[in-house]
Amino acid sequence: MTFLGQINCQQISQILAPSFFPDSGLLYFFNFVDVDGCYDITESDEPTYVVRHIDASDLKRTEMPESTHELEYCTRLLTPTLGVSIPDLTDPTTVDLDLSDSERQAYTKLFLDLGGAEHQLFGHPALIQPYPSSFKNRDLLLQVISDTEDHDFMWGDCGYLYFMIPRGSGNPIEESIAEIAS
């Protein structure tokens, strides 16, 4: 597994966090990378991603060890900003809405005006394909978009990486799923 990133839970909980989100510690995100350096999230019996929460009270900063892997590790700082997201019209929560054509156009305009398609914690995922069935009864934990300009990484073919957590679970972080859409 390759380290993708970490989130300082205390920093996030000071701004805004759902009740399930830990108020301290670190969230670590890992994903399988194949021999060509491609990130891979496939349907298989073996997990290709891991999300872990740890107590960070005893951790001490150290220098990074010399890389022994042929893939170069480069640090990138992603800075989510506080914002608003609404589900797109393929989301199951909006499918059953009985919207007139003008209401549908207004909703679509609002959706586009809000932007989305950024690195994001929580809220509604910015989908680039119709709502995946694997997202049903799940909420967004983390969305990371392909960013070849500023951060030089890509999910699939300019896709997005989503970490989704189950609604109403006793331990949503440990029961997350990951999916790449491109």
C-alpha atoms as a PDB file:
ATOM      1  CA  MET A   1       0.000   0.000   0.000  1.00  0.00           C
ATOM      2  CA  THR A   2       1.154   3.501  -0.811  1.00  0.00           C
ATOM      3  CA  PHE A   3       0.581   6.395   1.529  1.00  0.00           C
ATOM      4  CA  LEU A   4      -1.801   8.933  -0.046  1.00  0.00           C
ATOM      5  CA  GLY A   5      -2.237  11.430   2.725  1.00  0.00           C
ATOM      6  CA  GLN A   6      -3.184  12.315   6.244  1.00  0.00           C
ATOM      7  CA  ILE A   7      -5.692  14.603   7.885  1.00  0.00           C
ATOM      8  CA  ASN A   8      -5.185  16.223  11.266  1.00  0.00           C
ATOM      9  CA  CYS A   9      -8.592  15.628  12.859  1.00  0.00           C
ATOM     10  CA  GLN A  10      -8.148  18.354  15.478  1.00  0.00           C
ATOM     11  CA  GLN A  11      -7.650  21.025  12.806  1.00  0.00           C
ATOM     12  CA  ILE A  12     -10.787  19.901  10.946  1.00  0.00           C
ATOM     13  CA  SER A  13     -12.956  19.523  14.056  1.00  0.00           C
ATOM     14  CA  GLN A  14     -12.156  23.135  15.036  1.00  0.00           C
ATOM     15  CA  ILE A  15     -13.710  24.348  11.778  1.00  0.00           C
ATOM     16  CA  LEU A  16     -16.613  22.031  11.073  1.00  0.00           C
ATOM     17  CA  ALA A  17     -17.008  18.300  11.314  1.00  0.00           C
ATOM     18  CA  PRO A  18     -19.909  15.869  11.508  1.00  0.00           C
ATOM     19  CA  SER A  19     -20.560  14.138  14.835  1.00  0.00           C
ATOM     20  CA  PHE A  20     -18.917  10.884  13.679  1.00  0.00           C
ATOM     21  CA  PHE A  21     -15.619  12.606  12.867  1.00  0.00           C
ATOM     22  CA  PRO A  22     -12.880  12.154  15.484  1.00  0.00           C
ATOM     23  CA  ASP A  23     -11.945  15.386  17.265  1.00  0.00           C
ATOM     24  CA  SER A  24      -8.292  14.371  17.640  1.00  0.00           C
ATOM     25  CA  GLY A  25      -5.718  12.093  16.080  1.00  0.00           C
ATOM     26  CA  LEU A  26      -4.837  11.555  12.443  1.00  0.00           C
ATOM     27  CA  LEU A  27      -6.647   9.934   9.549  1.00  0.00           C
ATOM     28  CA  TYR A  28      -4.307   8.096   7.184  1.00  0.00           C
ATOM     29  CA  PHE A  29      -5.248   7.177   3.618  1.00  0.00           C
ATOM     30  CA  PHE A  30      -3.453   4.413   1.695  1.00  0.00           C
ATOM     31  CA  ASN A  31      -4.013   2.877  -1.738  1.00  0.00           C
ATOM     32  CA  PHE A  32      -2.487   0.105  -3.827  1.00  0.00           C
ATOM     33  CA  VAL A  33      -0.141   1.295  -6.570  1.00  0.00           C
ATOM     34  CA  ASP A  34       0.758  -1.180  -9.311  1.00  0.00           C
ATOM     35  CA  VAL A  35       4.224  -1.674 -10.844  1.00  0.00           C
ATOM     36  CA  ASP A  36       3.586   1.056 -13.428  1.00  0.00           C
ATOM     37  CA  GLY A  37       2.887   3.597 -10.709  1.00  0.00           C
ATOM     38  CA  CYS A  38      -0.857   3.620 -11.390  1.00  0.00           C
ATOM     39  CA  TYR A  39      -3.328   3.948  -8.561  1.00  0.00           C
ATOM     40  CA  ASP A  40      -5.699   1.025  -8.607  1.00  0.00           C
ATOM     41  CA  ILE A  41      -9.083   0.609  -6.993  1.00  0.00           C
ATOM     42  CA  THR A  42     -10.708  -2.455  -8.433  1.00  0.00           C
ATOM     43  CA  GLU A  43     -13.458  -4.808  -7.456  1.00  0.00           C
ATOM     44  CA  SER A  44     -11.565  -7.693  -5.916  1.00  0.00           C
ATOM     45  CA  ASP A  45     -11.582  -9.795  -2.802  1.00  0.00           C
ATOM     46  CA  GLU A  46      -8.512  -7.985  -1.496  1.00  0.00           C
ATOM     47  CA  PRO A  47      -8.883  -4.355  -0.375  1.00  0.00           C
ATOM     48  CA  THR A  48      -6.936  -1.888  -2.504  1.00  0.00           C
ATOM     49  CA  TYR A  49      -7.278   1.012  -0.071  1.00  0.00           C
ATOM     50  CA  VAL A  50      -7.124   1.587   3.671  1.00  0.00           C
ATOM     51  CA  VAL A  51      -8.329   4.416   5.914  1.00  0.00           C
ATOM     52  CA  ARG A  52      -7.079   4.376   9.497  1.00  0.00           C
ATOM     53  CA  HIS A  53      -7.588   6.650  12.476  1.00  0.00           C
ATOM     54  CA  ILE A  54      -4.801   6.754  15.069  1.00  0.00           C
ATOM     55  CA  ASP A  55      -4.210   8.565  18.330  1.00  0.00           C
ATOM     56  CA  ALA A  56      -1.402  10.985  17.513  1.00  0.00           C
ATOM     57  CA  SER A  57      -0.651  12.219  21.030  1.00  0.00           C
ATOM     58  CA  ASP A  58       2.629  10.285  21.259  1.00  0.00           C
ATOM     59  CA  LEU A  59       3.889  10.963  17.734  1.00  0.00           C
ATOM     60  CA  LYS A  60       7.031  12.989  17.183  1.00  0.00           C
ATOM     61  CA  ARG A  61       8.080  14.585  13.898  1.00  0.00           C
ATOM     62  CA  THR A  62      11.080  12.892  12.242  1.00  0.00           C
ATOM     63  CA  GLU A  63      12.880  13.205   8.946  1.00  0.00           C
ATOM     64  CA  MET A  64      11.590  11.114   6.076  1.00  0.00           C
ATOM     65  CA  PRO A  65      13.711   8.012   5.423  1.00  0.00           C
ATOM     66  CA  GLU A  66      15.573   7.556   2.158  1.00  0.00           C
ATOM     67  CA  SER A  67      13.208   6.228  -0.506  1.00  0.00           C
ATOM     68  CA  THR A  68      13.807   2.587  -1.364  1.00  0.00           C
ATOM     69  CA  HIS A  69      10.947   2.386  -3.836  1.00  0.00           C
ATOM     70  CA  GLU A  70      11.505   3.350  -7.458  1.00  0.00           C
ATOM     71  CA  LEU A  71       8.528   5.733  -7.307  1.00  0.00           C
ATOM     72  CA  GLU A  72       9.563   9.130  -6.039  1.00  0.00           C
ATOM     73  CA  TYR A  73       7.522  10.364  -3.069  1.00  0.00           C
ATOM     74  CA  CYS A  74       6.605  14.015  -3.367  1.00  0.00           C
ATOM     75  CA  THR A  75       4.713  15.900  -0.698  1.00  0.00           C
ATOM     76  CA  ARG A  76       1.729  17.996  -1.722  1.00  0.00           C
ATOM     77  CA  LEU A  77      -0.368  20.180   0.519  1.00  0.00           C
ATOM     78  CA  LEU A  78      -4.062  20.135  -0.334  1.00  0.00           C
ATOM     79  CA  THR A  79      -6.069  22.800   1.413  1.00  0.00           C
ATOM     80  CA  PRO A  80      -9.822  22.251   1.491  1.00  0.00           C
ATOM     81  CA  THR A  81     -11.874  25.374   2.035  1.00  0.00           C
ATOM     82  CA  LEU A  82     -15.199  25.737   3.790  1.00  0.00           C
ATOM     83  CA  GLY A  83     -17.962  25.681   1.227  1.00  0.00           C
ATOM     84  CA  VAL A  84     -21.410  24.442   0.286  1.00  0.00           C
ATOM     85  CA  SER A  85     -22.214  21.419  -1.852  1.00  0.00           C
ATOM     86  CA  ILE A  86     -25.529  20.073  -3.067  1.00  0.00           C
ATOM     87  CA  PRO A  87     -26.199  16.689  -4.663  1.00  0.00           C
ATOM     88  CA  ASP A  88     -26.275  16.507  -8.430  1.00  0.00           C
ATOM     89  CA  LEU A  89     -29.454  15.425 -10.160  1.00  0.00           C
ATOM     90  CA  THR A  90     -28.327  11.768 -10.467  1.00  0.00           C
ATOM     91  CA  ASP A  91     -28.041  11.460  -6.668  1.00  0.00           C
ATOM     92  CA  PRO A  92     -30.810   9.238  -5.224  1.00  0.00           C
ATOM     93  CA  THR A  93     -31.865  12.063  -2.896  1.00  0.00           C
ATOM     94  CA  THR A  94     -32.792  14.230  -5.888  1.00  0.00           C
ATOM     95  CA  VAL A  95     -34.092  11.636  -8.372  1.00  0.00           C
ATOM     96  CA  ASP A  96     -37.557  11.469  -6.814  1.00  0.00           C
ATOM     97  CA  LEU A  97     -38.000  15.237  -6.683  1.00  0.00           C
ATOM     98  CA  ASP A  98     -40.860  16.279  -8.896  1.00  0.00           C
ATOM     99  CA  LEU A  99     -39.146  19.284 -10.461  1.00  0.00           C
ATOM    100  CA  SER A 100     -40.584  21.238 -13.338  1.00  0.00           C
ATOM    101  CA  ASP A 101     -38.269  22.013 -16.255  1.00  0.00           C
ATOM    102  CA  SER A 102     -37.633  25.517 -14.934  1.00  0.00           C
ATOM    103  CA  GLU A 103     -36.940  24.204 -11.401  1.00  0.00           C
ATOM    104  CA  ARG A 104     -34.571  21.584 -12.837  1.00  0.00           C
ATOM    105  CA  GLN A 105     -32.749  24.317 -14.807  1.00  0.00           C
ATOM    106  CA  ALA A 106     -32.542  26.526 -11.698  1.00  0.00           C
ATOM    107  CA  TYR A 107     -31.211  23.608  -9.613  1.00  0.00           C
ATOM    108  CA  THR A 108     -28.627  22.783 -12.283  1.00  0.00           C
ATOM    109  CA  LYS A 109     -27.572  26.450 -12.431  1.00  0.00           C
ATOM    110  CA  LEU A 110     -27.183  26.555  -8.633  1.00  0.00           C
ATOM    111  CA  PHE A 111     -25.209  23.301  -8.716  1.00  0.00           C
ATOM    112  CA  LEU A 112     -22.841  24.709 -11.345  1.00  0.00           C
ATOM    113  CA  ASP A 113     -22.592  28.118  -9.633  1.00  0.00           C
ATOM    114  CA  LEU A 114     -21.496  26.463  -6.390  1.00  0.00           C
ATOM    115  CA  GLY A 115     -18.556  25.030  -8.259  1.00  0.00           C
ATOM    116  CA  GLY A 116     -17.590  21.769  -6.663  1.00  0.00           C
ATOM    117  CA  ALA A 117     -15.043  19.544  -8.348  1.00  0.00           C
ATOM    118  CA  GLU A 118     -12.392  20.438  -5.795  1.00  0.00           C
ATOM    119  CA  HIS A 119     -10.566  18.574  -3.078  1.00  0.00           C
ATOM    120  CA  GLN A 120     -13.242  18.192  -0.451  1.00  0.00           C
ATOM    121  CA  LEU A 121     -14.032  16.798   2.993  1.00  0.00           C
ATOM    122  CA  PHE A 122     -17.661  15.885   3.685  1.00  0.00           C
ATOM    123  CA  GLY A 123     -20.670  17.195   1.791  1.00  0.00           C
ATOM    124  CA  HIS A 124     -21.848  15.811  -1.542  1.00  0.00           C
ATOM    125  CA  PRO A 125     -19.360  14.354  -4.001  1.00  0.00           C
ATOM    126  CA  ALA A 126     -18.788  16.265  -7.234  1.00  0.00           C
ATOM    127  CA  LEU A 127     -19.601  13.450  -9.635  1.00  0.00           C
ATOM    128  CA  ILE A 128     -18.161  13.191 -13.110  1.00  0.00           C
ATOM    129  CA  GLN A 129     -20.272  10.139 -13.954  1.00  0.00           C
ATOM    130  CA  PRO A 130     -23.800   9.130 -12.920  1.00  0.00           C
ATOM    131  CA  TYR A 131     -24.260   8.330  -9.240  1.00  0.00           C
ATOM    132  CA  PRO A 132     -22.532   4.967  -8.533  1.00  0.00           C
ATOM    133  CA  SER A 133     -24.673   2.327  -6.830  1.00  0.00           C
ATOM    134  CA  SER A 134     -21.809   1.724  -4.376  1.00  0.00           C
ATOM    135  CA  PHE A 135     -22.429   5.226  -2.951  1.00  0.00           C
ATOM    136  CA  LYS A 136     -25.997   4.423  -1.905  1.00  0.00           C
ATOM    137  CA  ASN A 137     -26.518   5.080   1.833  1.00  0.00           C
ATOM    138  CA  ARG A 138     -23.007   6.513   2.072  1.00  0.00           C
ATOM    139  CA  ASP A 139     -21.652  10.002   2.647  1.00  0.00           C
ATOM    140  CA  LEU A 140     -18.495  11.644   1.377  1.00  0.00           C
ATOM    141  CA  LEU A 141     -15.496  11.534   3.694  1.00  0.00           C
ATOM    142  CA  LEU A 142     -12.850  12.740   1.236  1.00  0.00           C
ATOM    143  CA  GLN A 143     -12.736  13.656  -2.445  1.00  0.00           C
ATOM    144  CA  VAL A 144      -9.428  14.281  -4.213  1.00  0.00           C
ATOM    145  CA  ILE A 145      -9.515  15.391  -7.831  1.00  0.00           C
ATOM    146  CA  SER A 146      -6.873  14.767 -10.479  1.00  0.00           C
ATOM    147  CA  ASP A 147      -4.568  17.748 -10.438  1.00  0.00           C
ATOM    148  CA  THR A 148      -1.790  17.672 -12.992  1.00  0.00           C
ATOM    149  CA  GLU A 149      -1.127  21.433 -12.906  1.00  0.00           C
ATOM    150  CA  ASP A 150      -0.435  22.078  -9.218  1.00  0.00           C
ATOM    151  CA  HIS A 151       0.159  18.642  -7.711  1.00  0.00           C
ATOM    152  CA  ASP A 152       1.054  16.273 -10.567  1.00  0.00           C
ATOM    153  CA  PHE A 153      -1.252  13.365  -9.779  1.00  0.00           C
ATOM    154  CA  MET A 154      -4.087  11.771 -11.668  1.00  0.00           C
ATOM    155  CA  TRP A 155      -6.768   9.194 -10.793  1.00  0.00           C
ATOM    156  CA  GLY A 156      -7.567   7.090 -13.838  1.00  0.00           C
ATOM    157  CA  ASP A 157      -8.079   9.366 -16.842  1.00  0.00           C
ATOM    158  CA  CYS A 158      -8.320  12.769 -15.107  1.00  0.00           C
ATOM    159  CA  GLY A 159     -10.729  11.262 -12.607  1.00  0.00           C
ATOM    160  CA  TYR A 160     -11.647  11.771  -8.985  1.00  0.00           C
ATOM    161  CA  LEU A 161     -10.873   9.622  -5.962  1.00  0.00           C
ATOM    162  CA  TYR A 162     -13.727   9.307  -3.472  1.00  0.00           C
ATOM    163  CA  PHE A 163     -13.642   7.834   0.022  1.00  0.00           C
ATOM    164  CA  MET A 164     -17.236   7.189   1.104  1.00  0.00           C
ATOM    165  CA  ILE A 165     -18.458   6.188   4.566  1.00  0.00           C
ATOM    166  CA  PRO A 166     -21.687   4.392   5.541  1.00  0.00           C
ATOM    167  CA  ARG A 167     -24.531   6.453   7.000  1.00  0.00           C
ATOM    168  CA  GLY A 168     -25.448   5.614  10.580  1.00  0.00           C
ATOM    169  CA  SER A 169     -22.548   3.229  11.157  1.00  0.00           C
ATOM    170  CA  GLY A 170     -20.963   2.827  14.554  1.00  0.00           C
ATOM    171  CA  ASN A 171     -17.490   3.093  13.026  1.00  0.00           C
ATOM    172  CA  PRO A 172     -17.802   4.847   9.661  1.00  0.00           C
ATOM    173  CA  ILE A 173     -14.093   5.587   9.174  1.00  0.00           C
ATOM    174  CA  GLU A 174     -13.101   1.919   9.366  1.00  0.00           C
ATOM    175  CA  GLU A 175     -16.001   0.892   7.093  1.00  0.00           C
ATOM    176  CA  SER A 176     -15.188   3.315   4.275  1.00  0.00           C
ATOM    177  CA  ILE A 177     -15.081   2.390   0.612  1.00  0.00           C
ATOM    178  CA  ALA A 178     -12.977   3.998  -2.101  1.00  0.00           C
ATOM    179  CA  GLU A 179     -13.772   4.480  -5.755  1.00  0.00           C
ATOM    180  CA  ILE A 180     -12.131   6.180  -8.710  1.00  0.00           C
ATOM    181  CA  ALA A 181     -14.306   7.690 -11.420  1.00  0.00           C
ATOM    182  CA  SER A 182     -12.821   8.999 -14.636  1.00  0.00           C
END
